Amino acid sequence: KNTVYLQMNSLKPEDTAIYYCYSGTF
């Protein structure tokens, strides 16, 4: 599906942020 997932459990206030997905060769 050319899809990546990030399962985030036990979230903390310190996890607050903008999350940017990326892809690349190296």
mmCIF file of all heavy atoms, coordinates in Angstrom:
data_MODEL
# 
_entry.id   MODEL 
# 
loop_
_atom_site.group_PDB 
_atom_site.id 
_atom_site.type_symbol 
_atom_site.label_atom_id 
_atom_site.label_alt_id 
_atom_site.label_comp_id 
_atom_site.label_asym_id 
_atom_site.label_entity_id 
_atom_site.label_seq_id 
_atom_site.pdbx_PDB_ins_code 
_atom_site.Cartn_x 
_atom_site.Cartn_y 
_atom_site.Cartn_z 
_atom_site.occupancy 
_atom_site.B_iso_or_equiv 
_atom_site.pdbx_formal_charge 
_atom_site.auth_seq_id 
_atom_site.auth_comp_id 
_atom_site.auth_asym_id 
_atom_site.auth_atom_id 
_atom_site.pdbx_PDB_model_num 
ATOM 1   N N   . LYS A 1 1  ? 0.805  -1.214 0.000  1.00 0.00 ? 1  LYS A N   1 
ATOM 2   C CA  . LYS A 1 1  ? 0.000  0.000  0.000  1.00 0.00 ? 1  LYS A CA  1 
ATOM 3   C C   . LYS A 1 1  ? 0.840  1.267  0.000  1.00 0.00 ? 1  LYS A C   1 
ATOM 4   O O   . LYS A 1 1  ? 0.285  2.370  -0.017 1.00 0.00 ? 1  LYS A O   1 
ATOM 5   C CB  . LYS A 1 1  ? -0.936 0.022  1.207  1.00 0.00 ? 1  LYS A CB  1 
ATOM 6   C CG  . LYS A 1 1  ? -1.982 -1.079 1.205  1.00 0.00 ? 1  LYS A CG  1 
ATOM 7   C CD  . LYS A 1 1  ? -2.902 -0.949 2.408  1.00 0.00 ? 1  LYS A CD  1 
ATOM 8   C CE  . LYS A 1 1  ? -3.986 -2.003 2.382  1.00 0.00 ? 1  LYS A CE  1 
ATOM 9   N NZ  . LYS A 1 1  ? -4.898 -1.890 3.554  1.00 0.00 ? 1  LYS A NZ  1 
ATOM 10  N N   . ASN A 1 2  ? 2.160  1.119  0.047  1.00 0.00 ? 2  ASN A N   1 
ATOM 11  C CA  . ASN A 1 2  ? 3.065  2.264  0.098  1.00 0.00 ? 2  ASN A CA  1 
ATOM 12  C C   . ASN A 1 2  ? 2.692  3.210  1.231  1.00 0.00 ? 2  ASN A C   1 
ATOM 13  O O   . ASN A 1 2  ? 2.664  4.434  1.066  1.00 0.00 ? 2  ASN A O   1 
ATOM 14  C CB  . ASN A 1 2  ? 3.074  3.003  -1.241 1.00 0.00 ? 2  ASN A CB  1 
ATOM 15  C CG  . ASN A 1 2  ? 3.518  2.119  -2.378 1.00 0.00 ? 2  ASN A CG  1 
ATOM 16  O OD1 . ASN A 1 2  ? 4.572  1.496  -2.315 1.00 0.00 ? 2  ASN A OD1 1 
ATOM 17  N ND2 . ASN A 1 2  ? 2.719  2.060  -3.437 1.00 0.00 ? 2  ASN A ND2 1 
ATOM 18  N N   . THR A 1 3  ? 2.420  2.628  2.373  1.00 0.00 ? 3  THR A N   1 
ATOM 19  C CA  . THR A 1 3  ? 1.950  3.382  3.524  1.00 0.00 ? 3  THR A CA  1 
ATOM 20  C C   . THR A 1 3  ? 2.745  2.992  4.764  1.00 0.00 ? 3  THR A C   1 
ATOM 21  O O   . THR A 1 3  ? 3.040  1.811  4.970  1.00 0.00 ? 3  THR A O   1 
ATOM 22  C CB  . THR A 1 3  ? 0.457  3.138  3.767  1.00 0.00 ? 3  THR A CB  1 
ATOM 23  O OG1 . THR A 1 3  ? -0.283 3.545  2.611  1.00 0.00 ? 3  THR A OG1 1 
ATOM 24  C CG2 . THR A 1 3  ? -0.039 3.923  4.973  1.00 0.00 ? 3  THR A CG2 1 
ATOM 25  N N   . VAL A 1 4  ? 3.073  3.980  5.570  1.00 0.00 ? 4  VAL A N   1 
ATOM 26  C CA  . VAL A 1 4  ? 3.747  3.751  6.834  1.00 0.00 ? 4  VAL A CA  1 
ATOM 27  C C   . VAL A 1 4  ? 2.836  4.251  7.951  1.00 0.00 ? 4  VAL A C   1 
ATOM 28  O O   . VAL A 1 4  ? 2.095  5.226  7.775  1.00 0.00 ? 4  VAL A O   1 
ATOM 29  C CB  . VAL A 1 4  ? 5.128  4.442  6.871  1.00 0.00 ? 4  VAL A CB  1 
ATOM 30  C CG1 . VAL A 1 4  ? 4.992  5.957  6.787  1.00 0.00 ? 4  VAL A CG1 1 
ATOM 31  C CG2 . VAL A 1 4  ? 5.907  4.024  8.106  1.00 0.00 ? 4  VAL A CG2 1 
ATOM 32  N N   . TYR A 1 5  ? 2.890  3.575  9.090  1.00 0.00 ? 5  TYR A N   1 
ATOM 33  C CA  . TYR A 1 5  ? 2.049  3.889  10.231 1.00 0.00 ? 5  TYR A CA  1 
ATOM 34  C C   . TYR A 1 5  ? 2.908  4.122  11.460 1.00 0.00 ? 5  TYR A C   1 
ATOM 35  O O   . TYR A 1 5  ? 3.953  3.497  11.638 1.00 0.00 ? 5  TYR A O   1 
ATOM 36  C CB  . TYR A 1 5  ? 1.076  2.748  10.522 1.00 0.00 ? 5  TYR A CB  1 
ATOM 37  C CG  . TYR A 1 5  ? 0.237  2.324  9.349  1.00 0.00 ? 5  TYR A CG  1 
ATOM 38  C CD1 . TYR A 1 5  ? 0.649  1.282  8.517  1.00 0.00 ? 5  TYR A CD1 1 
ATOM 39  C CD2 . TYR A 1 5  ? -0.959 2.965  9.053  1.00 0.00 ? 5  TYR A CD2 1 
ATOM 40  C CE1 . TYR A 1 5  ? -0.109 0.892  7.434  1.00 0.00 ? 5  TYR A CE1 1 
ATOM 41  C CE2 . TYR A 1 5  ? -1.726 2.582  7.972  1.00 0.00 ? 5  TYR A CE2 1 
ATOM 42  C CZ  . TYR A 1 5  ? -1.303 1.542  7.162  1.00 0.00 ? 5  TYR A CZ  1 
ATOM 43  O OH  . TYR A 1 5  ? -2.063 1.160  6.087  1.00 0.00 ? 5  TYR A OH  1 
ATOM 44  N N   . LEU A 1 6  ? 2.451  5.002  12.305 1.00 0.00 ? 6  LEU A N   1 
ATOM 45  C CA  . LEU A 1 6  ? 3.084  5.230  13.592 1.00 0.00 ? 6  LEU A CA  1 
ATOM 46  C C   . LEU A 1 6  ? 2.023  5.107  14.668 1.00 0.00 ? 6  LEU A C   1 
ATOM 47  O O   . LEU A 1 6  ? 1.173  5.990  14.811 1.00 0.00 ? 6  LEU A O   1 
ATOM 48  C CB  . LEU A 1 6  ? 3.747  6.610  13.654 1.00 0.00 ? 6  LEU A CB  1 
ATOM 49  C CG  . LEU A 1 6  ? 4.541  6.899  14.928 1.00 0.00 ? 6  LEU A CG  1 
ATOM 50  C CD1 . LEU A 1 6  ? 5.769  5.999  15.021 1.00 0.00 ? 6  LEU A CD1 1 
ATOM 51  C CD2 . LEU A 1 6  ? 4.958  8.369  14.987 1.00 0.00 ? 6  LEU A CD2 1 
ATOM 52  N N   . GLN A 1 7  ? 2.064  4.001  15.395 1.00 0.00 ? 7  GLN A N   1 
ATOM 53  C CA  . GLN A 1 7  ? 1.159  3.784  16.511 1.00 0.00 ? 7  GLN A CA  1 
ATOM 54  C C   . GLN A 1 7  ? 1.773  4.412  17.750 1.00 0.00 ? 7  GLN A C   1 
ATOM 55  O O   . GLN A 1 7  ? 2.879  4.038  18.150 1.00 0.00 ? 7  GLN A O   1 
ATOM 56  C CB  . GLN A 1 7  ? 0.923  2.291  16.730 1.00 0.00 ? 7  GLN A CB  1 
ATOM 57  C CG  . GLN A 1 7  ? 0.005  1.972  17.905 1.00 0.00 ? 7  GLN A CG  1 
ATOM 58  C CD  . GLN A 1 7  ? -1.407 2.429  17.668 1.00 0.00 ? 7  GLN A CD  1 
ATOM 59  O OE1 . GLN A 1 7  ? -1.961 2.224  16.594 1.00 0.00 ? 7  GLN A OE1 1 
ATOM 60  N NE2 . GLN A 1 7  ? -2.005 3.062  18.674 1.00 0.00 ? 7  GLN A NE2 1 
ATOM 61  N N   . MET A 1 8  ? 1.074  5.349  18.356 1.00 0.00 ? 8  MET A N   1 
ATOM 62  C CA  . MET A 1 8  ? 1.576  6.097  19.493 1.00 0.00 ? 8  MET A CA  1 
ATOM 63  C C   . MET A 1 8  ? 0.703  5.785  20.702 1.00 0.00 ? 8  MET A C   1 
ATOM 64  O O   . MET A 1 8  ? -0.479 6.135  20.734 1.00 0.00 ? 8  MET A O   1 
ATOM 65  C CB  . MET A 1 8  ? 1.582  7.597  19.209 1.00 0.00 ? 8  MET A CB  1 
ATOM 66  C CG  . MET A 1 8  ? 2.357  7.976  17.950 1.00 0.00 ? 8  MET A CG  1 
ATOM 67  S SD  . MET A 1 8  ? 2.478  9.767  17.702 1.00 0.00 ? 8  MET A SD  1 
ATOM 68  C CE  . MET A 1 8  ? 0.743  10.155 17.399 1.00 0.00 ? 8  MET A CE  1 
ATOM 69  N N   . ASN A 1 9  ? 1.287  5.127  21.687 1.00 0.00 ? 9  ASN A N   1 
ATOM 70  C CA  . ASN A 1 9  ? 0.590  4.766  22.911 1.00 0.00 ? 9  ASN A CA  1 
ATOM 71  C C   . ASN A 1 9  ? 1.197  5.507  24.096 1.00 0.00 ? 9  ASN A C   1 
ATOM 72  O O   . ASN A 1 9  ? 2.310  6.020  24.025 1.00 0.00 ? 9  ASN A O   1 
ATOM 73  C CB  . ASN A 1 9  ? 0.670  3.260  23.154 1.00 0.00 ? 9  ASN A CB  1 
ATOM 74  C CG  . ASN A 1 9  ? 0.012  2.444  22.071 1.00 0.00 ? 9  ASN A CG  1 
ATOM 75  O OD1 . ASN A 1 9  ? -0.988 2.857  21.483 1.00 0.00 ? 9  ASN A OD1 1 
ATOM 76  N ND2 . ASN A 1 9  ? 0.545  1.256  21.808 1.00 0.00 ? 9  ASN A ND2 1 
ATOM 77  N N   . SER A 1 10 ? 0.465  5.521  25.194 1.00 0.00 ? 10 SER A N   1 
ATOM 78  C CA  . SER A 1 10 ? 0.923  6.159  26.431 1.00 0.00 ? 10 SER A CA  1 
ATOM 79  C C   . SER A 1 10 ? 1.439  7.566  26.165 1.00 0.00 ? 10 SER A C   1 
ATOM 80  O O   . SER A 1 10 ? 2.515  7.958  26.626 1.00 0.00 ? 10 SER A O   1 
ATOM 81  C CB  . SER A 1 10 ? 2.007  5.299  27.095 1.00 0.00 ? 10 SER A CB  1 
ATOM 82  O OG  . SER A 1 10 ? 1.525  4.005  27.380 1.00 0.00 ? 10 SER A OG  1 
ATOM 83  N N   . LEU A 1 11 ? 0.663  8.337  25.444 1.00 0.00 ? 11 LEU A N   1 
ATOM 84  C CA  . LEU A 1 11 ? 1.104  9.660  25.027 1.00 0.00 ? 11 LEU A CA  1 
ATOM 85  C C   . LEU A 1 11 ? 1.277  10.594 26.216 1.00 0.00 ? 11 LEU A C   1 
ATOM 86  O O   . LEU A 1 11 ? 0.520  10.541 27.190 1.00 0.00 ? 11 LEU A O   1 
ATOM 87  C CB  . LEU A 1 11 ? 0.124  10.249 24.026 1.00 0.00 ? 11 LEU A CB  1 
ATOM 88  C CG  . LEU A 1 11 ? 0.257  9.677  22.609 1.00 0.00 ? 11 LEU A CG  1 
ATOM 89  C CD1 . LEU A 1 11 ? -0.991 9.960  21.794 1.00 0.00 ? 11 LEU A CD1 1 
ATOM 90  C CD2 . LEU A 1 11 ? 1.488  10.259 21.919 1.00 0.00 ? 11 LEU A CD2 1 
ATOM 91  N N   . LYS A 1 12 ? 2.282  11.441 26.115 1.00 0.00 ? 12 LYS A N   1 
ATOM 92  C CA  . LYS A 1 12 ? 2.637  12.408 27.134 1.00 0.00 ? 12 LYS A CA  1 
ATOM 93  C C   . LYS A 1 12 ? 2.523  13.816 26.569 1.00 0.00 ? 12 LYS A C   1 
ATOM 94  O O   . LYS A 1 12 ? 2.638  14.010 25.361 1.00 0.00 ? 12 LYS A O   1 
ATOM 95  C CB  . LYS A 1 12 ? 4.071  12.177 27.616 1.00 0.00 ? 12 LYS A CB  1 
ATOM 96  C CG  . LYS A 1 12 ? 4.358  10.780 28.128 1.00 0.00 ? 12 LYS A CG  1 
ATOM 97  C CD  . LYS A 1 12 ? 5.842  10.627 28.460 1.00 0.00 ? 12 LYS A CD  1 
ATOM 98  C CE  . LYS A 1 12 ? 6.154  9.242  28.964 1.00 0.00 ? 12 LYS A CE  1 
ATOM 99  N NZ  . LYS A 1 12 ? 7.599  9.085  29.271 1.00 0.00 ? 12 LYS A NZ  1 
ATOM 100 N N   . PRO A 1 13 ? 2.330  14.817 27.425 1.00 0.00 ? 13 PRO A N   1 
ATOM 101 C CA  . PRO A 1 13 ? 2.314  16.195 26.931 1.00 0.00 ? 13 PRO A CA  1 
ATOM 102 C C   . PRO A 1 13 ? 3.572  16.554 26.152 1.00 0.00 ? 13 PRO A C   1 
ATOM 103 O O   . PRO A 1 13 ? 3.488  17.363 25.213 1.00 0.00 ? 13 PRO A O   1 
ATOM 104 C CB  . PRO A 1 13 ? 2.193  17.028 28.213 1.00 0.00 ? 13 PRO A CB  1 
ATOM 105 C CG  . PRO A 1 13 ? 1.465  16.135 29.156 1.00 0.00 ? 13 PRO A CG  1 
ATOM 106 C CD  . PRO A 1 13 ? 1.972  14.746 28.859 1.00 0.00 ? 13 PRO A CD  1 
ATOM 107 N N   . GLU A 1 14 ? 4.698  15.960 26.496 1.00 0.00 ? 14 GLU A N   1 
ATOM 108 C CA  . GLU A 1 14 ? 5.945  16.225 25.795 1.00 0.00 ? 14 GLU A CA  1 
ATOM 109 C C   . GLU A 1 14 ? 5.935  15.742 24.347 1.00 0.00 ? 14 GLU A C   1 
ATOM 110 O O   . GLU A 1 14 ? 6.816  16.118 23.569 1.00 0.00 ? 14 GLU A O   1 
ATOM 111 C CB  . GLU A 1 14 ? 7.128  15.571 26.524 1.00 0.00 ? 14 GLU A CB  1 
ATOM 112 C CG  . GLU A 1 14 ? 7.273  16.005 27.970 1.00 0.00 ? 14 GLU A CG  1 
ATOM 113 C CD  . GLU A 1 14 ? 6.561  15.060 28.920 1.00 0.00 ? 14 GLU A CD  1 
ATOM 114 O OE1 . GLU A 1 14 ? 5.314  15.151 29.020 1.00 0.00 ? 14 GLU A OE1 1 
ATOM 115 O OE2 . GLU A 1 14 ? 7.246  14.237 29.566 1.00 0.00 ? 14 GLU A OE2 1 
ATOM 116 N N   . ASP A 1 15 ? 4.971  14.901 23.989 1.00 0.00 ? 15 ASP A N   1 
ATOM 117 C CA  . ASP A 1 15 ? 4.843  14.438 22.613 1.00 0.00 ? 15 ASP A CA  1 
ATOM 118 C C   . ASP A 1 15 ? 4.142  15.452 21.718 1.00 0.00 ? 15 ASP A C   1 
ATOM 119 O O   . ASP A 1 15 ? 4.068  15.240 20.504 1.00 0.00 ? 15 ASP A O   1 
ATOM 120 C CB  . ASP A 1 15 ? 4.078  13.118 22.559 1.00 0.00 ? 15 ASP A CB  1 
ATOM 121 C CG  . ASP A 1 15 ? 4.796  11.995 23.279 1.00 0.00 ? 15 ASP A CG  1 
ATOM 122 O OD1 . ASP A 1 15 ? 6.033  11.871 23.116 1.00 0.00 ? 15 ASP A OD1 1 
ATOM 123 O OD2 . ASP A 1 15 ? 4.125  11.235 24.007 1.00 0.00 ? 15 ASP A OD2 1 
ATOM 124 N N   . THR A 1 16 ? 3.606  16.511 22.295 1.00 0.00 ? 16 THR A N   1 
ATOM 125 C CA  . THR A 1 16 ? 2.909  17.527 21.515 1.00 0.00 ? 16 THR A CA  1 
ATOM 126 C C   . THR A 1 16 ? 3.861  18.176 20.516 1.00 0.00 ? 16 THR A C   1 
ATOM 127 O O   . THR A 1 16 ? 4.906  18.698 20.889 1.00 0.00 ? 16 THR A O   1 
ATOM 128 C CB  . THR A 1 16 ? 2.309  18.591 22.429 1.00 0.00 ? 16 THR A CB  1 
ATOM 129 O OG1 . THR A 1 16 ? 1.326  17.990 23.279 1.00 0.00 ? 16 THR A OG1 1 
ATOM 130 C CG2 . THR A 1 16 ? 1.655  19.704 21.618 1.00 0.00 ? 16 THR A CG2 1 
ATOM 131 N N   . ALA A 1 17 ? 3.489  18.136 19.239 1.00 0.00 ? 17 ALA A N   1 
ATOM 132 C CA  . ALA A 1 17 ? 4.341  18.665 18.181 1.00 0.00 ? 17 ALA A CA  1 
ATOM 133 C C   . ALA A 1 17 ? 3.612  18.513 16.853 1.00 0.00 ? 17 ALA A C   1 
ATOM 134 O O   . ALA A 1 17 ? 2.557  17.874 16.767 1.00 0.00 ? 17 ALA A O   1 
ATOM 135 C CB  . ALA A 1 17 ? 5.675  17.920 18.120 1.00 0.00 ? 17 ALA A CB  1 
ATOM 136 N N   . ILE A 1 18 ? 4.182  19.111 15.822 1.00 0.00 ? 18 ILE A N   1 
ATOM 137 C CA  . ILE A 1 18 ? 3.771  18.802 14.465 1.00 0.00 ? 18 ILE A CA  1 
ATOM 138 C C   . ILE A 1 18 ? 4.637  17.651 13.979 1.00 0.00 ? 18 ILE A C   1 
ATOM 139 O O   . ILE A 1 18 ? 5.866  17.708 14.070 1.00 0.00 ? 18 ILE A O   1 
ATOM 140 C CB  . ILE A 1 18 ? 3.910  20.006 13.520 1.00 0.00 ? 18 ILE A CB  1 
ATOM 141 C CG1 . ILE A 1 18 ? 3.073  21.180 14.024 1.00 0.00 ? 18 ILE A CG1 1 
ATOM 142 C CG2 . ILE A 1 18 ? 3.475  19.625 12.113 1.00 0.00 ? 18 ILE A CG2 1 
ATOM 143 C CD1 . ILE A 1 18 ? 3.239  22.440 13.200 1.00 0.00 ? 18 ILE A CD1 1 
ATOM 144 N N   . TYR A 1 19 ? 4.003  16.621 13.474 1.00 0.00 ? 19 TYR A N   1 
ATOM 145 C CA  . TYR A 1 19 ? 4.690  15.432 12.997 1.00 0.00 ? 19 TYR A CA  1 
ATOM 146 C C   . TYR A 1 19 ? 4.733  15.458 11.474 1.00 0.00 ? 19 TYR A C   1 
ATOM 147 O O   . TYR A 1 19 ? 3.691  15.565 10.821 1.00 0.00 ? 19 TYR A O   1 
ATOM 148 C CB  . TYR A 1 19 ? 3.979  14.173 13.485 1.00 0.00 ? 19 TYR A CB  1 
ATOM 149 C CG  . TYR A 1 19 ? 4.202  13.897 14.956 1.00 0.00 ? 19 TYR A CG  1 
ATOM 150 C CD1 . TYR A 1 19 ? 3.666  14.737 15.922 1.00 0.00 ? 19 TYR A CD1 1 
ATOM 151 C CD2 . TYR A 1 19 ? 4.960  12.806 15.372 1.00 0.00 ? 19 TYR A CD2 1 
ATOM 152 C CE1 . TYR A 1 19 ? 3.883  14.503 17.268 1.00 0.00 ? 19 TYR A CE1 1 
ATOM 153 C CE2 . TYR A 1 19 ? 5.172  12.556 16.718 1.00 0.00 ? 19 TYR A CE2 1 
ATOM 154 C CZ  . TYR A 1 19 ? 4.632  13.412 17.661 1.00 0.00 ? 19 TYR A CZ  1 
ATOM 155 O OH  . TYR A 1 19 ? 4.847  13.160 19.001 1.00 0.00 ? 19 TYR A OH  1 
ATOM 156 N N   . TYR A 1 20 ? 5.937  15.346 10.917 1.00 0.00 ? 20 TYR A N   1 
ATOM 157 C CA  . TYR A 1 20 ? 6.153  15.408 9.480  1.00 0.00 ? 20 TYR A CA  1 
ATOM 158 C C   . TYR A 1 20 ? 6.632  14.062 8.967  1.00 0.00 ? 20 TYR A C   1 
ATOM 159 O O   . TYR A 1 20 ? 7.704  13.591 9.355  1.00 0.00 ? 20 TYR A O   1 
ATOM 160 C CB  . TYR A 1 20 ? 7.188  16.472 9.120  1.00 0.00 ? 20 TYR A CB  1 
ATOM 161 C CG  . TYR A 1 20 ? 6.751  17.886 9.421  1.00 0.00 ? 20 TYR A CG  1 
ATOM 162 C CD1 . TYR A 1 20 ? 7.089  18.494 10.623 1.00 0.00 ? 20 TYR A CD1 1 
ATOM 163 C CD2 . TYR A 1 20 ? 6.008  18.609 8.496  1.00 0.00 ? 20 TYR A CD2 1 
ATOM 164 C CE1 . TYR A 1 20 ? 6.690  19.788 10.897 1.00 0.00 ? 20 TYR A CE1 1 
ATOM 165 C CE2 . TYR A 1 20 ? 5.615  19.905 8.766  1.00 0.00 ? 20 TYR A CE2 1 
ATOM 166 C CZ  . TYR A 1 20 ? 5.959  20.485 9.967  1.00 0.00 ? 20 TYR A CZ  1 
ATOM 167 O OH  . TYR A 1 20 ? 5.573  21.774 10.238 1.00 0.00 ? 20 TYR A OH  1 
ATOM 168 N N   . CYS A 1 21 ? 5.868  13.467 8.097  1.00 0.00 ? 21 CYS A N   1 
ATOM 169 C CA  . CYS A 1 21 ? 6.266  12.242 7.441  1.00 0.00 ? 21 CYS A CA  1 
ATOM 170 C C   . CYS A 1 21 ? 7.322  12.541 6.380  1.00 0.00 ? 21 CYS A C   1 
ATOM 171 O O   . CYS A 1 21 ? 7.304  13.609 5.760  1.00 0.00 ? 21 CYS A O   1 
ATOM 172 C CB  . CYS A 1 21 ? 5.046  11.581 6.797  1.00 0.00 ? 21 CYS A CB  1 
ATOM 173 S SG  . CYS A 1 21 ? 5.384  10.079 5.861  1.00 0.00 ? 21 CYS A SG  1 
ATOM 174 N N   . TYR A 1 22 ? 8.247  11.615 6.181  1.00 0.00 ? 22 TYR A N   1 
ATOM 175 C CA  . TYR A 1 22 ? 9.235  11.786 5.120  1.00 0.00 ? 22 TYR A CA  1 
ATOM 176 C C   . TYR A 1 22 ? 9.517  10.456 4.442  1.00 0.00 ? 22 TYR A C   1 
ATOM 177 O O   . TYR A 1 22 ? 9.261  9.382  4.988  1.00 0.00 ? 22 TYR A O   1 
ATOM 178 C CB  . TYR A 1 22 ? 10.542 12.389 5.656  1.00 0.00 ? 22 TYR A CB  1 
ATOM 179 C CG  . TYR A 1 22 ? 11.430 11.407 6.387  1.00 0.00 ? 22 TYR A CG  1 
ATOM 180 C CD1 . TYR A 1 22 ? 12.413 10.682 5.702  1.00 0.00 ? 22 TYR A CD1 1 
ATOM 181 C CD2 . TYR A 1 22 ? 11.301 11.212 7.752  1.00 0.00 ? 22 TYR A CD2 1 
ATOM 182 C CE1 . TYR A 1 22 ? 13.227 9.791  6.373  1.00 0.00 ? 22 TYR A CE1 1 
ATOM 183 C CE2 . TYR A 1 22 ? 12.108 10.319 8.423  1.00 0.00 ? 22 TYR A CE2 1 
ATOM 184 C CZ  . TYR A 1 22 ? 13.072 9.611  7.736  1.00 0.00 ? 22 TYR A CZ  1 
ATOM 185 O OH  . TYR A 1 22 ? 13.891 8.718  8.401  1.00 0.00 ? 22 TYR A OH  1 
ATOM 186 N N   . SER A 1 23 ? 10.094 10.541 3.251  1.00 0.00 ? 23 SER A N   1 
ATOM 187 C CA  . SER A 1 23 ? 10.564 9.372  2.528  1.00 0.00 ? 23 SER A CA  1 
ATOM 188 C C   . SER A 1 23 ? 11.846 9.730  1.797  1.00 0.00 ? 23 SER A C   1 
ATOM 189 O O   . SER A 1 23 ? 12.111 10.898 1.496  1.00 0.00 ? 23 SER A O   1 
ATOM 190 C CB  . SER A 1 23 ? 9.520  8.851  1.542  1.00 0.00 ? 23 SER A CB  1 
ATOM 191 O OG  . SER A 1 23 ? 9.338  9.746  0.459  1.00 0.00 ? 23 SER A OG  1 
ATOM 192 N N   . GLY A 1 24 ? 12.643 8.719  1.493  1.00 0.00 ? 24 GLY A N   1 
ATOM 193 C CA  . GLY A 1 24 ? 13.885 8.943  0.784  1.00 0.00 ? 24 GLY A CA  1 
ATOM 194 C C   . GLY A 1 24 ? 14.607 7.653  0.512  1.00 0.00 ? 24 GLY A C   1 
ATOM 195 O O   . GLY A 1 24 ? 14.182 6.576  0.937  1.00 0.00 ? 24 GLY A O   1 
ATOM 196 N N   . THR A 1 25 ? 15.717 7.780  -0.187 1.00 0.00 ? 25 THR A N   1 
ATOM 197 C CA  . THR A 1 25 ? 16.548 6.630  -0.487 1.00 0.00 ? 25 THR A CA  1 
ATOM 198 C C   . THR A 1 25 ? 17.548 6.384  0.636  1.00 0.00 ? 25 THR A C   1 
ATOM 199 O O   . THR A 1 25 ? 17.611 5.286  1.199  1.00 0.00 ? 25 THR A O   1 
ATOM 200 C CB  . THR A 1 25 ? 17.283 6.821  -1.820 1.00 0.00 ? 25 THR A CB  1 
ATOM 201 O OG1 . THR A 1 25 ? 16.330 7.063  -2.857 1.00 0.00 ? 25 THR A OG1 1 
ATOM 202 C CG2 . THR A 1 25 ? 18.089 5.580  -2.165 1.00 0.00 ? 25 THR A CG2 1 
ATOM 203 N N   . PHE A 1 26 ? 18.343 7.402  0.973  1.00 0.00 ? 26 PHE A N   1 
ATOM 204 C CA  . PHE A 1 26 ? 19.300 7.316  2.065  1.00 0.00 ? 26 PHE A CA  1 
ATOM 205 C C   . PHE A 1 26 ? 19.091 8.396  3.110  1.00 0.00 ? 26 PHE A C   1 
ATOM 206 O O   . PHE A 1 26 ? 19.664 8.325  4.199  1.00 0.00 ? 26 PHE A O   1 
ATOM 207 C CB  . PHE A 1 26 ? 20.737 7.399  1.528  1.00 0.00 ? 26 PHE A CB  1 
ATOM 208 C CG  . PHE A 1 26 ? 21.059 6.365  0.497  1.00 0.00 ? 26 PHE A CG  1 
ATOM 209 C CD1 . PHE A 1 26 ? 21.132 6.696  -0.846 1.00 0.00 ? 26 PHE A CD1 1 
ATOM 210 C CD2 . PHE A 1 26 ? 21.287 5.050  0.868  1.00 0.00 ? 26 PHE A CD2 1 
ATOM 211 C CE1 . PHE A 1 26 ? 21.426 5.742  -1.797 1.00 0.00 ? 26 PHE A CE1 1 
ATOM 212 C CE2 . PHE A 1 26 ? 21.579 4.085  -0.078 1.00 0.00 ? 26 PHE A CE2 1 
ATOM 213 C CZ  . PHE A 1 26 ? 21.649 4.439  -1.418 1.00 0.00 ? 26 PHE A CZ  1 
# 
